[in-house]
Amino acid sequence: MERTVVRCAEGHVFSTAMFPMQQLDTGRIGPGRLIRCPRCARLRHAVPVEPAELVRLEQR
């Protein structure tokens, strides 16, 4: 199962095995989804993290 790295509205970065409706065009419904964040344990709006941004996060 493919995992997707996402960022919640609070700024927490985590990976999830399920990112609902990931295959739909982002221009049609937007990139964000409501997912339970494992850091703050609340339902939060989450968006996929761009690969270039992942590289910057790993360098910290």
PDB file of N, CA and C in Angstrom:
ATOM      1  N   MET A   1       0.848  -1.175   0.000  1.00  0.00           N
ATOM      2  CA  MET A   1       0.000   0.000   0.000  1.00  0.00           C
ATOM      3  C   MET A   1       0.896   1.242   0.000  1.00  0.00           C
ATOM      4  N   GLU A   2       0.615   2.151  -0.883  1.00  0.00           N
ATOM      5  CA  GLU A   2       1.408   3.371  -1.001  1.00  0.00           C
ATOM      6  C   GLU A   2       1.048   4.352   0.107  1.00  0.00           C
ATOM      7  N   ARG A   3       2.072   4.987   0.673  1.00  0.00           N
ATOM      8  CA  ARG A   3       1.849   5.973   1.724  1.00  0.00           C
ATOM      9  C   ARG A   3       2.036   7.372   1.146  1.00  0.00           C
ATOM     10  N   THR A   4       1.270   8.314   1.669  1.00  0.00           N
ATOM     11  CA  THR A   4       1.335   9.706   1.229  1.00  0.00           C
ATOM     12  C   THR A   4       1.780  10.559   2.402  1.00  0.00           C
ATOM     13  N   VAL A   5       2.752  11.437   2.189  1.00  0.00           N
ATOM     14  CA  VAL A   5       3.203  12.356   3.233  1.00  0.00           C
ATOM     15  C   VAL A   5       2.334  13.599   3.149  1.00  0.00           C
ATOM     16  N   VAL A   6       1.755  13.973   4.293  1.00  0.00           N
ATOM     17  CA  VAL A   6       0.834  15.108   4.340  1.00  0.00           C
ATOM     18  C   VAL A   6       1.207  16.045   5.486  1.00  0.00           C
ATOM     19  N   ARG A   7       0.653  17.270   5.422  1.00  0.00           N
ATOM     20  CA  ARG A   7       0.834  18.263   6.487  1.00  0.00           C
ATOM     21  C   ARG A   7      -0.556  18.678   6.955  1.00  0.00           C
ATOM     22  N   CYS A   8      -0.772  18.636   8.284  1.00  0.00           N
ATOM     23  CA  CYS A   8      -2.077  19.042   8.808  1.00  0.00           C
ATOM     24  C   CYS A   8      -2.108  20.565   8.972  1.00  0.00           C
ATOM     25  N   ALA A   9      -3.268  21.093   9.299  1.00  0.00           N
ATOM     26  CA  ALA A   9      -3.463  22.538   9.442  1.00  0.00           C
ATOM     27  C   ALA A   9      -2.607  23.122  10.559  1.00  0.00           C
ATOM     28  N   GLU A  10      -2.189  22.293  11.517  1.00  0.00           N
ATOM     29  CA  GLU A  10      -1.332  22.755  12.607  1.00  0.00           C
ATOM     30  C   GLU A  10       0.147  22.712  12.238  1.00  0.00           C
ATOM     31  N   GLY A  11       0.473  22.172  11.044  1.00  0.00           N
ATOM     32  CA  GLY A  11       1.858  22.126  10.587  1.00  0.00           C
ATOM     33  C   GLY A  11       2.567  20.817  10.836  1.00  0.00           C
ATOM     34  N   HIS A  12       1.881  19.834  11.415  1.00  0.00           N
ATOM     35  CA  HIS A  12       2.502  18.533  11.665  1.00  0.00           C
ATOM     36  C   HIS A  12       2.619  17.753  10.360  1.00  0.00           C
ATOM     37  N   VAL A  13       3.781  17.163  10.113  1.00  0.00           N
ATOM     38  CA  VAL A  13       4.022  16.377   8.909  1.00  0.00           C
ATOM     39  C   VAL A  13       4.023  14.910   9.304  1.00  0.00           C
ATOM     40  N   PHE A  14       3.241  14.106   8.583  1.00  0.00           N
ATOM     41  CA  PHE A  14       3.160  12.672   8.853  1.00  0.00           C
ATOM     42  C   PHE A  14       2.757  11.948   7.586  1.00  0.00           C
ATOM     43  N   SER A  15       2.907  10.639   7.596  1.00  0.00           N
ATOM     44  CA  SER A  15       2.502   9.857   6.423  1.00  0.00           C
ATOM     45  C   SER A  15       1.232   9.094   6.752  1.00  0.00           C
ATOM     46  N   THR A  16       0.456   8.852   5.737  1.00  0.00           N
ATOM     47  CA  THR A  16      -0.788   8.122   5.898  1.00  0.00           C
ATOM     48  C   THR A  16      -0.935   7.114   4.763  1.00  0.00           C
ATOM     49  N   ALA A  17      -1.469   5.963   5.096  1.00  0.00           N
ATOM     50  CA  ALA A  17      -1.671   4.925   4.080  1.00  0.00           C
ATOM     51  C   ALA A  17      -2.899   5.238   3.241  1.00  0.00           C
ATOM     52  N   MET A  18      -3.783   6.040   3.789  1.00  0.00           N
ATOM     53  CA  MET A  18      -5.027   6.338   3.079  1.00  0.00           C
ATOM     54  C   MET A  18      -5.170   7.844   2.917  1.00  0.00           C
ATOM     55  N   PHE A  19      -5.262   8.287   1.687  1.00  0.00           N
ATOM     56  CA  PHE A  19      -5.538   9.694   1.422  1.00  0.00           C
ATOM     57  C   PHE A  19      -6.737   9.713   0.491  1.00  0.00           C
ATOM     58  N   PRO A  20      -7.961   9.817   1.026  1.00  0.00           N
ATOM     59  CA  PRO A  20      -9.190   9.673   0.243  1.00  0.00           C
ATOM     60  C   PRO A  20      -9.243  10.544  -0.999  1.00  0.00           C
ATOM     61  N   MET A  21      -9.721   9.967  -2.076  1.00  0.00           N
ATOM     62  CA  MET A  21      -9.925  10.652  -3.353  1.00  0.00           C
ATOM     63  C   MET A  21      -8.626  11.254  -3.887  1.00  0.00           C
ATOM     64  N   GLN A  22      -7.514  10.625  -3.621  1.00  0.00           N
ATOM     65  CA  GLN A  22      -6.217  11.120  -4.060  1.00  0.00           C
ATOM     66  C   GLN A  22      -6.122  11.189  -5.572  1.00  0.00           C
ATOM     67  N   GLN A  23      -6.836  10.320  -6.277  1.00  0.00           N
ATOM     68  CA  GLN A  23      -6.707  10.247  -7.722  1.00  0.00           C
ATOM     69  C   GLN A  23      -7.470  11.352  -8.458  1.00  0.00           C
ATOM     70  N   LEU A  24      -8.327  12.104  -7.780  1.00  0.00           N
ATOM     71  CA  LEU A  24      -9.089  13.151  -8.451  1.00  0.00           C
ATOM     72  C   LEU A  24      -8.235  14.376  -8.704  1.00  0.00           C
ATOM     73  N   ASP A  25      -8.552  15.100  -9.741  1.00  0.00           N
ATOM     74  CA  ASP A  25      -7.818  16.309 -10.103  1.00  0.00           C
ATOM     75  C   ASP A  25      -7.944  17.355  -9.002  1.00  0.00           C
ATOM     76  N   THR A  26      -6.832  17.954  -8.603  1.00  0.00           N
ATOM     77  CA  THR A  26      -6.853  18.918  -7.498  1.00  0.00           C
ATOM     78  C   THR A  26      -7.616  20.188  -7.845  1.00  0.00           C
ATOM     79  N   GLY A  27      -7.680  20.539  -9.126  1.00  0.00           N
ATOM     80  CA  GLY A  27      -8.415  21.737  -9.518  1.00  0.00           C
ATOM     81  C   GLY A  27      -9.911  21.576  -9.352  1.00  0.00           C
ATOM     82  N   ARG A  28     -10.372  20.363  -9.300  1.00  0.00           N
ATOM     83  CA  ARG A  28     -11.800  20.106  -9.218  1.00  0.00           C
ATOM     84  C   ARG A  28     -12.348  20.198  -7.797  1.00  0.00           C
ATOM     85  N   ILE A  29     -11.662  19.595  -6.830  1.00  0.00           N
ATOM     86  CA  ILE A  29     -12.182  19.603  -5.464  1.00  0.00           C
ATOM     87  C   ILE A  29     -11.178  20.098  -4.437  1.00  0.00           C
ATOM     88  N   GLY A  30      -9.976  20.414  -4.864  1.00  0.00           N
ATOM     89  CA  GLY A  30      -8.953  20.871  -3.938  1.00  0.00           C
ATOM     90  C   GLY A  30      -8.115  19.717  -3.420  1.00  0.00           C
ATOM     91  N   PRO A  31      -6.899  20.010  -2.978  1.00  0.00           N
ATOM     92  CA  PRO A  31      -5.981  18.955  -2.570  1.00  0.00           C
ATOM     93  C   PRO A  31      -6.174  18.466  -1.140  1.00  0.00           C
ATOM     94  N   GLY A  32      -6.869  19.203  -0.303  1.00  0.00           N
ATOM     95  CA  GLY A  32      -6.967  18.866   1.113  1.00  0.00           C
ATOM     96  C   GLY A  32      -8.038  17.845   1.434  1.00  0.00           C
ATOM     97  N   ARG A  33      -7.804  17.135   2.523  1.00  0.00           N
ATOM     98  CA  ARG A  33      -8.764  16.152   3.029  1.00  0.00           C
ATOM     99  C   ARG A  33      -8.811  16.264   4.549  1.00  0.00           C
ATOM    100  N   LEU A  34      -9.872  15.770   5.143  1.00  0.00           N
ATOM    101  CA  LEU A  34     -10.013  15.754   6.589  1.00  0.00           C
ATOM    102  C   LEU A  34      -9.474  14.419   7.104  1.00  0.00           C
ATOM    103  N   ILE A  35      -8.378  14.479   7.867  1.00  0.00           N
ATOM    104  CA  ILE A  35      -7.697  13.274   8.362  1.00  0.00           C
ATOM    105  C   ILE A  35      -7.364  13.489   9.831  1.00  0.00           C
ATOM    106  N   ARG A  36      -7.395  12.413  10.616  1.00  0.00           N
ATOM    107  CA  ARG A  36      -7.021  12.509  12.027  1.00  0.00           C
ATOM    108  C   ARG A  36      -5.494  12.594  12.124  1.00  0.00           C
ATOM    109  N   CYS A  37      -5.009  13.677  12.698  1.00  0.00           N
ATOM    110  CA  CYS A  37      -3.571  13.888  12.860  1.00  0.00           C
ATOM    111  C   CYS A  37      -3.070  13.067  14.050  1.00  0.00           C
ATOM    112  N   PRO A  38      -2.012  12.270  13.859  1.00  0.00           N
ATOM    113  CA  PRO A  38      -1.505  11.467  14.978  1.00  0.00           C
ATOM    114  C   PRO A  38      -0.802  12.304  16.049  1.00  0.00           C
ATOM    115  N   ARG A  39      -0.364  13.506  15.726  1.00  0.00           N
ATOM    116  CA  ARG A  39       0.341  14.358  16.700  1.00  0.00           C
ATOM    117  C   ARG A  39      -0.633  15.067  17.634  1.00  0.00           C
ATOM    118  N   CYS A  40      -1.705  15.646  17.077  1.00  0.00           N
ATOM    119  CA  CYS A  40      -2.630  16.395  17.929  1.00  0.00           C
ATOM    120  C   CYS A  40      -3.943  15.632  18.175  1.00  0.00           C
ATOM    121  N   ALA A  41      -4.096  14.461  17.550  1.00  0.00           N
ATOM    122  CA  ALA A  41      -5.240  13.561  17.760  1.00  0.00           C
ATOM    123  C   ALA A  41      -6.593  14.204  17.465  1.00  0.00           C
ATOM    124  N   ARG A  42      -6.614  15.106  16.489  1.00  0.00           N
ATOM    125  CA  ARG A  42      -7.871  15.738  16.081  1.00  0.00           C
ATOM    126  C   ARG A  42      -8.038  15.622  14.584  1.00  0.00           C
ATOM    127  N   LEU A  43      -9.278  15.733  14.138  1.00  0.00           N
ATOM    128  CA  LEU A  43      -9.506  15.763  12.704  1.00  0.00           C
ATOM    129  C   LEU A  43      -9.028  17.113  12.184  1.00  0.00           C
ATOM    130  N   ARG A  44      -8.126  17.070  11.229  1.00  0.00           N
ATOM    131  CA  ARG A  44      -7.545  18.298  10.685  1.00  0.00           C
ATOM    132  C   ARG A  44      -7.563  18.258   9.170  1.00  0.00           C
ATOM    133  N   HIS A  45      -7.617  19.417   8.576  1.00  0.00           N
ATOM    134  CA  HIS A  45      -7.472  19.538   7.138  1.00  0.00           C
ATOM    135  C   HIS A  45      -6.012  19.239   6.823  1.00  0.00           C
ATOM    136  N   ALA A  46      -5.754  18.308   5.898  1.00  0.00           N
ATOM    137  CA  ALA A  46      -4.380  17.930   5.552  1.00  0.00           C
ATOM    138  C   ALA A  46      -4.195  17.996   4.046  1.00  0.00           C
ATOM    139  N   VAL A  47      -3.002  18.401   3.628  1.00  0.00           N
ATOM    140  CA  VAL A  47      -2.662  18.485   2.210  1.00  0.00           C
ATOM    141  C   VAL A  47      -1.381  17.698   1.963  1.00  0.00           C
ATOM    142  N   PRO A  48      -1.214  17.134   0.761  1.00  0.00           N
ATOM    143  CA  PRO A  48       0.028  16.425   0.452  1.00  0.00           C
ATOM    144  C   PRO A  48       1.227  17.374   0.481  1.00  0.00           C
ATOM    145  N   VAL A  49       2.363  16.858   0.907  1.00  0.00           N
ATOM    146  CA  VAL A  49       3.602  17.630   0.942  1.00  0.00           C
ATOM    147  C   VAL A  49       4.334  17.405  -0.378  1.00  0.00           C
ATOM    148  N   GLU A  50       4.787  18.490  -0.990  1.00  0.00           N
ATOM    149  CA  GLU A  50       5.527  18.400  -2.252  1.00  0.00           C
ATOM    150  C   GLU A  50       6.881  17.724  -2.024  1.00  0.00           C
ATOM    151  N   PRO A  51       7.367  16.939  -2.998  1.00  0.00           N
ATOM    152  CA  PRO A  51       8.661  16.268  -2.846  1.00  0.00           C
ATOM    153  C   PRO A  51       9.820  17.229  -2.552  1.00  0.00           C
ATOM    154  N   ALA A  52       9.830  18.394  -3.166  1.00  0.00           N
ATOM    155  CA  ALA A  52      10.897  19.368  -2.916  1.00  0.00           C
ATOM    156  C   ALA A  52      10.875  19.845  -1.462  1.00  0.00           C
ATOM    157  N   GLU A  53       9.700  19.974  -0.906  1.00  0.00           N
ATOM    158  CA  GLU A  53       9.579  20.401   0.484  1.00  0.00           C
ATOM    159  C   GLU A  53      10.057  19.303   1.429  1.00  0.00           C
ATOM    160  N   LEU A  54       9.851  18.043   1.057  1.00  0.00           N
ATOM    161  CA  LEU A  54      10.329  16.928   1.871  1.00  0.00           C
ATOM    162  C   LEU A  54      11.845  16.964   2.003  1.00  0.00           C
ATOM    163  N   VAL A  55      12.521  17.294   0.926  1.00  0.00           N
ATOM    164  CA  VAL A  55      13.983  17.367   0.948  1.00  0.00           C
ATOM    165  C   VAL A  55      14.417  18.447   1.946  1.00  0.00           C
ATOM    166  N   ARG A  56      13.751  19.598   1.932  1.00  0.00           N
ATOM    167  CA  ARG A  56      14.092  20.675   2.870  1.00  0.00           C
ATOM    168  C   ARG A  56      13.830  20.258   4.312  1.00  0.00           C
ATOM    169  N   LEU A  57      12.738  19.520   4.564  1.00  0.00           N
ATOM    170  CA  LEU A  57      12.422  19.063   5.910  1.00  0.00           C
ATOM    171  C   LEU A  57      13.453  18.071   6.412  1.00  0.00           C
ATOM    172  N   GLU A  58      13.948  17.201   5.530  1.00  0.00           N
ATOM    173  CA  GLU A  58      14.932  16.201   5.926  1.00  0.00           C
ATOM    174  C   GLU A  58      16.289  16.838   6.226  1.00  0.00           C
ATOM    175  N   GLN A  59      16.564  18.004   5.652  1.00  0.00           N
ATOM    176  CA  GLN A  59      17.845  18.664   5.874  1.00  0.00           C
ATOM    177  C   GLN A  59      17.906  19.387   7.217  1.00  0.00           C
ATOM    178  N   ARG A  60      16.790  19.570   7.875  1.00  0.00           N
ATOM    179  CA  ARG A  60      16.768  20.252   9.179  1.00  0.00           C
ATOM    180  C   ARG A  60      17.392  19.410  10.251  1.00  0.00           C
TER     181      ARG A  60
END
